C-alpha atoms as a PDB file:
ATOM      1  CA  UNK A   1      76.275 119.402  80.015  1.00  0.00           C
ATOM      2  CA  UNK A   2      76.713 116.233  82.035  1.00  0.00           C
ATOM      3  CA  UNK A   3      76.318 116.112  85.809  1.00  0.00           C
ATOM      4  CA  UNK A   4      78.285 113.434  87.624  1.00  0.00           C
ATOM      5  CA  UNK A   5      77.712 111.267  90.648  1.00  0.00           C
ATOM      6  CA  UNK A   6      79.166 112.577  93.883  1.00  0.00           C
ATOM      7  CA  UNK A   7      80.265 110.012  96.471  1.00  0.00           C
ATOM      8  CA  UNK A   8      78.000 111.501  99.142  1.00  0.00           C
ATOM      9  CA  UNK A   9      74.788 111.913  97.186  1.00  0.00           C
ATOM     10  CA  UNK A  10      72.959 110.551  94.134  1.00  0.00           C
ATOM     11  CA  UNK A  11      70.957 113.571  93.003  1.00  0.00           C
ATOM     12  CA  UNK A  12      71.915 115.600  89.928  1.00  0.00           C
ATOM     13  CA  UNK A  13      72.985 112.440  88.120  1.00  0.00           C
ATOM     14  CA  UNK A  14      71.349 111.473  84.846  1.00  0.00           C
ATOM     15  CA  UNK A  15      70.369 107.822  84.715  1.00  0.00           C
ATOM     16  CA  UNK A  16      72.773 107.137  81.866  1.00  0.00           C
ATOM     17  CA  UNK A  17      75.797 108.116  83.980  1.00  0.00           C
ATOM     18  CA  UNK A  18      74.881 106.730  87.393  1.00  0.00           C
ATOM     19  CA  UNK A  19      77.692 104.631  88.831  1.00  0.00           C
ATOM     20  CA  UNK A  20      76.352 101.500  90.486  1.00  0.00           C
ATOM     21  CA  UNK A  21      77.360 100.846  94.102  1.00  0.00           C
ATOM     22  CA  UNK A  22      79.904 102.430  96.399  1.00  0.00           C
ATOM     23  CA  UNK A  23      83.688 102.493  96.296  1.00  0.00           C
ATOM     24  CA  UNK A  24      84.988  99.012  95.561  1.00  0.00           C
ATOM     25  CA  UNK A  25      87.857  97.450  97.485  1.00  0.00           C
ATOM     26  CA  UNK A  26      89.405  94.500  95.701  1.00  0.00           C
ATOM     27  CA  UNK A  27      89.722  91.458  97.947  1.00  0.00           C
ATOM     28  CA  UNK A  28      90.513  88.596  95.571  1.00  0.00           C
ATOM     29  CA  UNK A  29      93.775  87.705  93.852  1.00  0.00           C
ATOM     30  CA  UNK A  30      92.247  87.819  90.365  1.00  0.00           C
ATOM     31  CA  UNK A  31      92.169  90.774  88.000  1.00  0.00           C
ATOM     32  CA  UNK A  32      90.163  91.913  84.993  1.00  0.00           C
ATOM     33  CA  UNK A  33      90.590  94.259  82.044  1.00  0.00           C
ATOM     34  CA  UNK A  34      87.480  96.183  80.997  1.00  0.00           C
ATOM     35  CA  UNK A  35      87.389  97.296  77.363  1.00  0.00           C
ATOM     36  CA  UNK A  36      84.938 100.044  76.370  1.00  0.00           C
ATOM     37  CA  UNK A  37      84.785 100.740  72.616  1.00  0.00           C
ATOM     38  CA  UNK A  38      81.832 101.225  70.295  1.00  0.00           C
ATOM     39  CA  UNK A  39      83.538  99.315  67.447  1.00  0.00           C
ATOM     40  CA  UNK A  40      82.635  95.631  67.777  1.00  0.00           C
ATOM     41  CA  UNK A  41      85.581  94.460  65.673  1.00  0.00           C
ATOM     42  CA  UNK A  42      88.033  96.352  67.908  1.00  0.00           C
ATOM     43  CA  UNK A  43      86.409  94.940  71.041  1.00  0.00           C
ATOM     44  CA  UNK A  44      86.724  91.402  69.677  1.00  0.00           C
ATOM     45  CA  UNK A  45      90.321  91.916  68.567  1.00  0.00           C
ATOM     46  CA  UNK A  46      91.443  93.459  71.858  1.00  0.00           C
ATOM     47  CA  UNK A  47      89.681  90.802  73.903  1.00  0.00           C
ATOM     48  CA  UNK A  48      91.190  87.992  71.809  1.00  0.00           C
ATOM     49  CA  UNK A  49      94.734  89.337  72.081  1.00  0.00           C
ATOM     50  CA  UNK A  50      94.546  89.998  75.811  1.00  0.00           C
ATOM     51  CA  UNK A  51      92.986  86.623  76.564  1.00  0.00           C
ATOM     52  CA  UNK A  52      95.808  85.017  74.588  1.00  0.00           C
ATOM     53  CA  UNK A  53      98.171  86.814  76.975  1.00  0.00           C
ATOM     54  CA  UNK A  54      96.381  85.210  79.924  1.00  0.00           C
ATOM     55  CA  UNK A  55      94.202  88.169  80.919  1.00  0.00           C
ATOM     56  CA  UNK A  56      90.535  88.131  81.897  1.00  0.00           C
ATOM     57  CA  UNK A  57      88.618  90.587  79.714  1.00  0.00           C
ATOM     58  CA  UNK A  58      85.098  91.997  79.668  1.00  0.00           C
ATOM     59  CA  UNK A  59      83.906  94.282  76.873  1.00  0.00           C
ATOM     60  CA  UNK A  60      81.305  97.047  76.626  1.00  0.00           C
ATOM     61  CA  UNK A  61      80.019  99.136  73.737  1.00  0.00           C
ATOM     62  CA  UNK A  62      79.369 102.389  75.642  1.00  0.00           C
ATOM     63  CA  UNK A  63      79.976 104.252  78.879  1.00  0.00           C
ATOM     64  CA  UNK A  64      76.378 103.642  79.881  1.00  0.00           C
ATOM     65  CA  UNK A  65      76.726  99.879  79.339  1.00  0.00           C
ATOM     66  CA  UNK A  66      79.844  99.839  81.498  1.00  0.00           C
ATOM     67  CA  UNK A  67      78.243 101.864  84.292  1.00  0.00           C
ATOM     68  CA  UNK A  68      75.214  99.564  84.303  1.00  0.00           C
ATOM     69  CA  UNK A  69      77.569  96.664  85.053  1.00  0.00           C
ATOM     70  CA  UNK A  70      77.933  95.691  88.721  1.00  0.00           C
ATOM     71  CA  UNK A  71      81.710  95.854  89.234  1.00  0.00           C
ATOM     72  CA  UNK A  72      83.014  93.075  91.493  1.00  0.00           C
ATOM     73  CA  UNK A  73      85.695  93.540  94.125  1.00  0.00           C
ATOM     74  CA  UNK A  74      88.820  92.773  92.139  1.00  0.00           C
ATOM     75  CA  UNK A  75      91.898  94.433  90.710  1.00  0.00           C
ATOM     76  CA  UNK A  76      90.898  96.016  87.405  1.00  0.00           C
ATOM     77  CA  UNK A  77      91.935  98.430  84.709  1.00  0.00           C
ATOM     78  CA  UNK A  78      90.044 100.142  81.917  1.00  0.00           C
ATOM     79  CA  UNK A  79      90.916 100.268  78.206  1.00  0.00           C
ATOM     80  CA  UNK A  80      88.722 103.133  77.072  1.00  0.00           C
ATOM     81  CA  UNK A  81      87.957 104.682  73.696  1.00  0.00           C
ATOM     82  CA  UNK A  82      87.714 108.462  73.795  1.00  0.00           C
ATOM     83  CA  UNK A  83      84.849 108.764  71.288  1.00  0.00           C
ATOM     84  CA  UNK A  84      81.785 106.809  72.322  1.00  0.00           C
ATOM     85  CA  UNK A  85      78.056 107.118  71.596  1.00  0.00           C
ATOM     86  CA  UNK A  86      76.481 109.259  74.296  1.00  0.00           C
ATOM     87  CA  UNK A  87      78.896 110.006  77.116  1.00  0.00           C
ATOM     88  CA  UNK A  88      82.514 110.078  75.924  1.00  0.00           C
ATOM     89  CA  UNK A  89      85.439 108.204  77.407  1.00  0.00           C
ATOM     90  CA  UNK A  90      86.578 111.389  79.141  1.00  0.00           C
ATOM     91  CA  UNK A  91      83.069 111.806  80.573  1.00  0.00           C
ATOM     92  CA  UNK A  92      83.262 108.251  81.922  1.00  0.00           C
ATOM     93  CA  UNK A  93      86.657 108.916  83.477  1.00  0.00           C
ATOM     94  CA  UNK A  94      85.268 112.009  85.234  1.00  0.00           C
ATOM     95  CA  UNK A  95      82.165 110.159  86.444  1.00  0.00           C
ATOM     96  CA  UNK A  96      84.287 107.386  87.963  1.00  0.00           C
ATOM     97  CA  UNK A  97      86.619 109.882  89.617  1.00  0.00           C
ATOM     98  CA  UNK A  98      83.771 111.843  91.178  1.00  0.00           C
ATOM     99  CA  UNK A  99      82.087 108.642  92.380  1.00  0.00           C
ATOM    100  CA  UNK A 100      85.348 107.467  93.994  1.00  0.00           C
ATOM    101  CA  UNK A 101      85.364 104.475  91.646  1.00  0.00           C
ATOM    102  CA  UNK A 102      88.387 105.450  89.558  1.00  0.00           C
ATOM    103  CA  UNK A 103      90.563 102.679  88.170  1.00  0.00           C
ATOM    104  CA  UNK A 104      93.807 102.770  86.155  1.00  0.00           C
ATOM    105  CA  UNK A 105      92.788 103.738  82.618  1.00  0.00           C
ATOM    106  CA  UNK A 106      94.385 103.446  79.186  1.00  0.00           C
ATOM    107  CA  UNK A 107      92.780 105.664  76.566  1.00  0.00           C
ATOM    108  CA  UNK A 108      92.726 104.590  72.929  1.00  0.00           C
ATOM    109  CA  UNK A 109      91.603 106.809  70.066  1.00  0.00           C
ATOM    110  CA  UNK A 110      91.918 107.481  66.382  1.00  0.00           C
ATOM    111  CA  UNK A 111      91.042 111.163  66.830  1.00  0.00           C
ATOM    112  CA  UNK A 112      93.223 112.325  69.709  1.00  0.00           C
ATOM    113  CA  UNK A 113      94.713 115.776  70.217  1.00  0.00           C
ATOM    114  CA  UNK A 114      96.985 117.395  72.769  1.00  0.00           C
ATOM    115  CA  UNK A 115      94.278 119.008  74.972  1.00  0.00           C
ATOM    116  CA  UNK A 116      92.391 115.705  75.034  1.00  0.00           C
ATOM    117  CA  UNK A 117      95.457 113.728  76.078  1.00  0.00           C
ATOM    118  CA  UNK A 118      96.360 116.332  78.716  1.00  0.00           C
ATOM    119  CA  UNK A 119      92.869 116.087  80.209  1.00  0.00           C
ATOM    120  CA  UNK A 120      93.088 112.290  80.262  1.00  0.00           C
ATOM    121  CA  UNK A 121      96.498 112.264  81.943  1.00  0.00           C
ATOM    122  CA  UNK A 122      95.413 114.849  84.519  1.00  0.00           C
ATOM    123  CA  UNK A 123      92.566 112.488  85.354  1.00  0.00           C
ATOM    124  CA  UNK A 124      95.101 109.784  86.162  1.00  0.00           C
ATOM    125  CA  UNK A 125      95.291 107.878  82.872  1.00  0.00           C
ATOM    126  CA  UNK A 126      98.161 105.412  82.534  1.00  0.00           C
ATOM    127  CA  UNK A 127      98.596 106.009  78.801  1.00  0.00           C
ATOM    128  CA  UNK A 128      96.975 107.608  75.764  1.00  0.00           C
ATOM    129  CA  UNK A 129      97.421 105.438  72.661  1.00  0.00           C
ATOM    130  CA  UNK A 130      96.667 106.461  69.093  1.00  0.00           C
ATOM    131  CA  UNK A 131      94.971 103.923  66.806  1.00  0.00           C
ATOM    132  CA  UNK A 132      96.387 101.886  65.227  1.00  0.00           C
ATOM    133  CA  UNK A 133      98.708 100.949  68.074  1.00  0.00           C
ATOM    134  CA  UNK A 134     101.117  98.081  68.578  1.00  0.00           C
ATOM    135  CA  UNK A 135      99.659  95.109  70.448  1.00  0.00           C
ATOM    136  CA  UNK A 136     102.707  94.839  72.707  1.00  0.00           C
ATOM    137  CA  UNK A 137     102.455  98.538  73.514  1.00  0.00           C
ATOM    138  CA  UNK A 138      98.910  98.042  74.751  1.00  0.00           C
ATOM    139  CA  UNK A 139      99.786  94.898  76.712  1.00  0.00           C
ATOM    140  CA  UNK A 140     102.641  96.750  78.383  1.00  0.00           C
ATOM    141  CA  UNK A 141     100.294  99.579  79.361  1.00  0.00           C
ATOM    142  CA  UNK A 142      97.765  97.069  80.713  1.00  0.00           C
ATOM    143  CA  UNK A 143     100.482  95.422  82.782  1.00  0.00           C
ATOM    144  CA  UNK A 144     101.420  98.783  84.290  1.00  0.00           C
ATOM    145  CA  UNK A 145      97.784  99.614  84.938  1.00  0.00           C
ATOM    146  CA  UNK A 146      97.101  96.337  86.757  1.00  0.00           C
ATOM    147  CA  UNK A 147     100.296  96.767  88.796  1.00  0.00           C
ATOM    148  CA  UNK A 148      99.069 100.204  89.871  1.00  0.00           C
ATOM    149  CA  UNK A 149      95.691  98.700  90.701  1.00  0.00           C
ATOM    150  CA  UNK A 150      97.293  96.044  92.901  1.00  0.00           C
ATOM    151  CA  UNK A 151      99.335  98.696  94.687  1.00  0.00           C
ATOM    152  CA  UNK A 152      96.253 100.844  95.274  1.00  0.00           C
ATOM    153  CA  UNK A 153      94.397  97.794  96.573  1.00  0.00           C
ATOM    154  CA  UNK A 154      97.161  97.046  99.075  1.00  0.00           C
ATOM    155  CA  UNK A 155      97.218 100.680 100.234  1.00  0.00           C
ATOM    156  CA  UNK A 156      93.423 100.721 100.698  1.00  0.00           C
ATOM    157  CA  UNK A 157      93.599  97.513 102.716  1.00  0.00           C
ATOM    158  CA  UNK A 158      96.319  98.982 104.936  1.00  0.00           C
ATOM    159  CA  UNK A 159      94.346 102.194 105.500  1.00  0.00           C
ATOM    160  CA  UNK A 160      91.271 100.162 106.424  1.00  0.00           C
ATOM    161  CA  UNK A 161      93.222  98.187 109.029  1.00  0.00           C
ATOM    162  CA  UNK A 162      94.707 101.364 110.523  1.00  0.00           C
ATOM    163  CA  UNK A 163      91.320 103.096 110.590  1.00  0.00           C
ATOM    164  CA  UNK A 164      89.749 100.152 112.401  1.00  0.00           C
ATOM    165  CA  UNK A 165      92.460 100.312 115.050  1.00  0.00           C
ATOM    166  CA  UNK A 166      92.050 104.072 115.393  1.00  0.00           C
ATOM    167  CA  UNK A 167      88.287 103.665 115.821  1.00  0.00           C
ATOM    168  CA  UNK A 168      88.886 101.594 118.976  1.00  0.00           C
ATOM    169  CA  UNK A 169      90.539 104.541 120.732  1.00  0.00           C
ATOM    170  CA  UNK A 170      88.613 106.585 123.283  1.00  0.00           C
ATOM    171  CA  UNK A 171      88.288 110.355 122.893  1.00  0.00           C
ATOM    172  CA  UNK A 172      91.043 110.962 125.434  1.00  0.00           C
ATOM    173  CA  UNK A 173      93.314 108.382 123.786  1.00  0.00           C
ATOM    174  CA  UNK A 174      92.867 110.158 120.453  1.00  0.00           C
ATOM    175  CA  UNK A 175      93.816 113.453 122.064  1.00  0.00           C
ATOM    176  CA  UNK A 176      96.949 111.842 123.477  1.00  0.00           C
ATOM    177  CA  UNK A 177      97.763 110.248 120.114  1.00  0.00           C
ATOM    178  CA  UNK A 178      97.600 113.594 118.311  1.00  0.00           C
ATOM    179  CA  UNK A 179      99.988 115.145 120.822  1.00  0.00           C
ATOM    180  CA  UNK A 180     102.338 112.154 120.730  1.00  0.00           C
ATOM    181  CA  UNK A 181     102.689 112.330 116.948  1.00  0.00           C
ATOM    182  CA  UNK A 182     103.278 116.077 117.323  1.00  0.00           C
ATOM    183  CA  UNK A 183     106.453 115.154 119.205  1.00  0.00           C
ATOM    184  CA  UNK A 184     105.416 116.114 122.729  1.00  0.00           C
ATOM    185  CA  UNK A 185     106.771 114.375 125.828  1.00  0.00           C
ATOM    186  CA  UNK A 186     104.457 112.946 128.489  1.00  0.00           C
ATOM    187  CA  UNK A 187     105.016 115.979 130.745  1.00  0.00           C
ATOM    188  CA  UNK A 188     104.092 118.363 127.913  1.00  0.00           C
ATOM    189  CA  UNK A 189     101.027 116.319 126.987  1.00  0.00           C
ATOM    190  CA  UNK A 190      99.902 116.335 130.607  1.00  0.00           C
ATOM    191  CA  UNK A 191     100.213 120.124 130.712  1.00  0.00           C
ATOM    192  CA  UNK A 192      98.226 120.555 127.470  1.00  0.00           C
ATOM    193  CA  UNK A 193      95.439 118.235 128.611  1.00  0.00           C
ATOM    194  CA  UNK A 194      95.379 119.324 132.250  1.00  0.00           C
ATOM    195  CA  UNK A 195      96.015 115.756 133.351  1.00  0.00           C
ATOM    196  CA  UNK A 196      98.514 113.970 135.557  1.00  0.00           C
ATOM    197  CA  UNK A 197     101.668 112.763 133.831  1.00  0.00           C
ATOM    198  CA  UNK A 198     101.058 109.263 135.198  1.00  0.00           C
ATOM    199  CA  UNK A 199      97.588 109.247 133.599  1.00  0.00           C
ATOM    200  CA  UNK A 200      99.041 110.365 130.271  1.00  0.00           C
ATOM    201  CA  UNK A 201     101.579 107.544 130.434  1.00  0.00           C
ATOM    202  CA  UNK A 202      98.749 105.031 130.871  1.00  0.00           C
ATOM    203  CA  UNK A 203      96.783 106.489 127.933  1.00  0.00           C
ATOM    204  CA  UNK A 204      99.910 106.518 125.803  1.00  0.00           C
ATOM    205  CA  UNK A 205     100.531 102.859 126.512  1.00  0.00           C
ATOM    206  CA  UNK A 206      96.953 102.008 125.557  1.00  0.00           C
ATOM    207  CA  UNK A 207      97.298 103.962 122.317  1.00  0.00           C
ATOM    208  CA  UNK A 208     100.448 102.073 121.363  1.00  0.00           C
ATOM    209  CA  UNK A 209      98.799  98.747 122.256  1.00  0.00           C
ATOM    210  CA  UNK A 210      95.565  99.398 120.347  1.00  0.00           C
ATOM    211  CA  UNK A 211      97.379 100.757 117.293  1.00  0.00           C
ATOM    212  CA  UNK A 212      99.778  97.769 117.504  1.00  0.00           C
ATOM    213  CA  UNK A 213     102.961  99.805 117.163  1.00  0.00           C
ATOM    214  CA  UNK A 214     106.224  99.770 119.085  1.00  0.00           C
ATOM    215  CA  UNK A 215     107.587 103.197 118.217  1.00  0.00           C
ATOM    216  CA  UNK A 216     106.397 106.759 117.776  1.00  0.00           C
ATOM    217  CA  UNK A 217     107.805 106.712 114.225  1.00  0.00           C
ATOM    218  CA  UNK A 218     105.464 103.834 113.335  1.00  0.00           C
ATOM    219  CA  UNK A 219     102.564 105.684 114.954  1.00  0.00           C
ATOM    220  CA  UNK A 220     103.323 108.808 112.918  1.00  0.00           C
ATOM    221  CA  UNK A 221     103.445 106.783 109.704  1.00  0.00           C
ATOM    222  CA  UNK A 222     100.110 105.121 110.498  1.00  0.00           C
ATOM    223  CA  UNK A 223      98.291 108.336 111.323  1.00  0.00           C
ATOM    224  CA  UNK A 224      99.563 109.955 108.146  1.00  0.00           C
ATOM    225  CA  UNK A 225      98.048 107.094 106.144  1.00  0.00           C
ATOM    226  CA  UNK A 226      94.563 107.903 107.454  1.00  0.00           C
ATOM    227  CA  UNK A 227      94.938 111.675 107.380  1.00  0.00           C
ATOM    228  CA  UNK A 228      95.346 112.328 111.118  1.00  0.00           C
ATOM    229  CA  UNK A 229      97.269 115.571 111.618  1.00  0.00           C
ATOM    230  CA  UNK A 230      99.436 116.192 114.694  1.00  0.00           C
ATOM    231  CA  UNK A 231      97.704 118.400 117.250  1.00  0.00           C
ATOM    232  CA  UNK A 232      98.864 122.014 117.156  1.00  0.00           C
ATOM    233  CA  UNK A 233     100.113 123.212 120.497  1.00  0.00           C
ATOM    234  CA  UNK A 234     100.961 126.643 121.761  1.00  0.00           C
END
């Protein structure tokens, strides 16, 4: 049985499945395709074809070799063989998910079955291709995977910006924010907090300024992005 890395601790992880570093946030415009397959001829062929299509490619012979690699901050996807020496491709997918390092993945295999493909897709795989597969089919899957990676990168960047703005709020401003996004008027917020309505109006203005929004609808959308739930009121 394999134990996987949890994002909040490093114990109970065998050395051969330890994911290096914390969650990566891509910051550059470049992208890379990682190929993990124990067959050297397949690695060479895939790398050659994808480089001919203008893609940057790095190859690895095992899950352990990939995990030992220090992943840079860039948009990436993974072309992953299911059967590998040591930890399998599905094991690698699980380890990355549990370490909060998941990336769009395309599984390739010559020995696939329905339960295997279901497990891969439940783990967020883009596609599950049977060997031998058409080169254009793989390139199309890679294109979709990188597009998903770029979208995820943009969403992470937006959440980071929103979180930084939220972190500038005082405790009282956060309380007001939660009641504002719950749809309460200033008078109702004042009653819930035991404060003067004029004071609530001042806090509300500061919240809108610090969060850099002009409407409550925008504020609601922002708080949803970082998991802030509206305050429940009686």
